Amino acid sequence: MSTKMRVAVMVAIFILTTPATAQKITTEGIARSASLYAAILEFCPPTQRVNIELATKAAKAMTDAANEVLGPEAGRIALDSELKRRFDEVRGQGAVVWCANQIRQPANARLFDLMPR
């Protein structure tokens, strides 16, 4: 992994994960973070102001990290499985409700412009 990529991944993890940064970083956690950012990008812009640039960079950093840790094939499989799970979760709750819940999470607040539409 290049130095630039490591810095990007660490910054994304530091800024965009939960305040409990002392938790062990796992492949599952990376995939869950990637799916979170992808779901925010996919479902939230119609009803919420999303910082598209930041969410895209975060999703890419987590996807790249998963591919780096697992390898491209295993990374893709892990991400596909987690994306399906996350998108099913959003559809089950309803996108409006799910996105509103994400705004309330301190770790996700930076991904949203909290000014009313």
Protein backbone atom coordinates (compact mmCIF):
# COMPACT_ATOMS: atom_id res chain seq x y z
CA MET A 1 0.00 0.00 0.00
CA SER A 2 1.44 3.36 -0.96
CA THR A 3 2.17 5.98 1.67
CA LYS A 4 -0.44 8.27 0.15
CA MET A 5 -3.06 5.51 0.34
CA ARG A 6 -2.16 4.68 3.96
CA VAL A 7 -2.51 8.32 4.92
CA ALA A 8 -5.87 8.57 3.12
CA VAL A 9 -7.17 5.42 4.82
CA MET A 10 -6.01 6.51 8.25
CA VAL A 11 -7.48 10.00 7.83
CA ALA A 12 -10.79 8.53 6.67
CA ILE A 13 -10.84 6.10 9.57
CA PHE A 14 -9.92 8.80 12.07
CA ILE A 15 -12.38 11.41 10.83
CA LEU A 16 -15.31 9.27 9.79
CA THR A 17 -15.45 6.38 12.23
CA THR A 18 -17.00 6.29 15.63
CA PRO A 19 -15.26 8.12 18.46
CA ALA A 20 -14.05 4.74 19.76
CA THR A 21 -10.98 4.82 17.54
CA ALA A 22 -9.12 2.52 19.92
CA GLN A 23 -11.19 -0.40 18.65
CA LYS A 24 -9.39 -3.01 16.57
CA ILE A 25 -9.69 -2.36 12.84
CA THR A 26 -10.98 -5.44 11.04
CA THR A 27 -11.71 -6.36 7.46
CA GLU A 28 -15.38 -6.60 8.37
CA GLY A 29 -15.22 -3.11 9.86
CA ILE A 30 -13.61 -1.74 6.71
CA ALA A 31 -16.30 -3.36 4.56
CA ARG A 32 -19.04 -2.02 6.84
CA SER A 33 -17.59 1.48 6.61
CA ALA A 34 -17.36 1.25 2.82
CA SER A 35 -20.99 0.10 2.64
CA LEU A 36 -22.11 2.88 4.98
CA TYR A 37 -20.58 5.58 2.79
CA ALA A 38 -21.88 3.92 -0.38
CA ALA A 39 -25.40 3.76 1.09
CA ILE A 40 -25.26 7.41 2.11
CA LEU A 41 -24.25 8.29 -1.45
CA GLU A 42 -26.93 6.08 -2.96
CA PHE A 43 -29.93 6.83 -0.77
CA CYS A 44 -29.53 10.14 1.05
CA PRO A 45 -29.06 12.90 -1.57
CA PRO A 46 -32.75 13.03 -2.56
CA THR A 47 -33.74 14.12 0.97
CA GLN A 48 -30.52 15.27 2.66
CA ARG A 49 -27.62 17.48 1.71
CA VAL A 50 -24.69 15.11 1.44
CA ASN A 51 -21.05 16.13 1.14
CA ILE A 52 -20.64 14.03 -2.00
CA GLU A 53 -16.91 14.67 -2.32
CA LEU A 54 -16.12 13.60 1.24
CA ALA A 55 -18.43 10.58 1.18
CA THR A 56 -16.98 9.46 -2.17
CA LYS A 57 -13.41 9.78 -0.91
CA ALA A 58 -14.26 7.89 2.27
CA ALA A 59 -16.00 5.09 0.36
CA LYS A 60 -13.06 4.80 -2.04
CA ALA A 61 -10.52 4.75 0.79
CA MET A 62 -12.40 1.96 2.57
CA THR A 63 -12.87 -0.01 -0.66
CA ASP A 64 -9.17 0.35 -1.49
CA ALA A 65 -8.25 -0.72 2.04
CA ALA A 66 -10.44 -3.84 1.81
CA ASN A 67 -8.88 -4.74 -1.53
CA GLU A 68 -5.41 -4.15 -0.12
CA VAL A 69 -6.00 -6.28 2.96
CA LEU A 70 -7.88 -9.13 1.28
CA GLY A 71 -6.70 -8.89 -2.30
CA PRO A 72 -8.84 -7.74 -5.22
CA GLU A 73 -10.99 -10.87 -5.57
CA ALA A 74 -11.67 -11.52 -1.88
CA GLY A 75 -12.07 -7.79 -1.28
CA ARG A 76 -14.69 -7.55 -4.00
CA ILE A 77 -16.58 -10.55 -2.60
CA ALA A 78 -16.54 -9.15 0.95
CA LEU A 79 -17.64 -5.73 -0.25
CA ASP A 80 -20.39 -7.11 -2.49
CA SER A 81 -21.80 -9.15 0.39
CA GLU A 82 -21.70 -6.21 2.80
CA LEU A 83 -23.15 -3.79 0.23
CA LYS A 84 -26.09 -6.15 -0.32
CA ARG A 85 -26.64 -6.41 3.44
CA ARG A 86 -26.45 -2.63 3.95
CA PHE A 87 -28.68 -1.76 0.99
CA ASP A 88 -31.26 -4.32 2.17
CA GLU A 89 -31.11 -2.68 5.61
CA VAL A 90 -31.76 0.76 4.11
CA ARG A 91 -34.61 -0.48 1.97
CA GLY A 92 -36.10 -2.30 4.98
CA GLN A 93 -36.08 0.82 7.14
CA GLY A 94 -36.88 3.18 4.32
CA ALA A 95 -34.27 5.55 2.94
CA VAL A 96 -35.70 8.68 4.57
CA VAL A 97 -35.68 7.12 8.05
CA TRP A 98 -32.28 5.47 7.58
CA CYS A 99 -30.67 8.70 6.34
CA ALA A 100 -32.20 10.70 9.17
CA ASN A 101 -30.71 8.21 11.62
CA GLN A 102 -27.28 8.56 10.00
CA ILE A 103 -27.32 12.32 10.48
CA ARG A 104 -27.78 11.78 14.21
CA GLN A 105 -24.61 9.69 14.42
CA PRO A 106 -21.71 11.95 15.45
CA ALA A 107 -19.26 10.03 13.27
CA ASN A 108 -21.42 10.60 10.18
CA ALA A 109 -22.37 14.24 10.74
CA ARG A 110 -19.46 15.51 8.62
CA LEU A 111 -20.90 13.71 5.63
CA PHE A 112 -24.02 15.87 5.74
CA ASP A 113 -24.61 19.56 5.29
CA LEU A 114 -27.02 20.11 8.13
CA MET A 115 -28.61 23.24 6.66
CA PRO A 116 -32.29 22.63 5.81
CA ARG A 117 -33.28 22.13 2.19
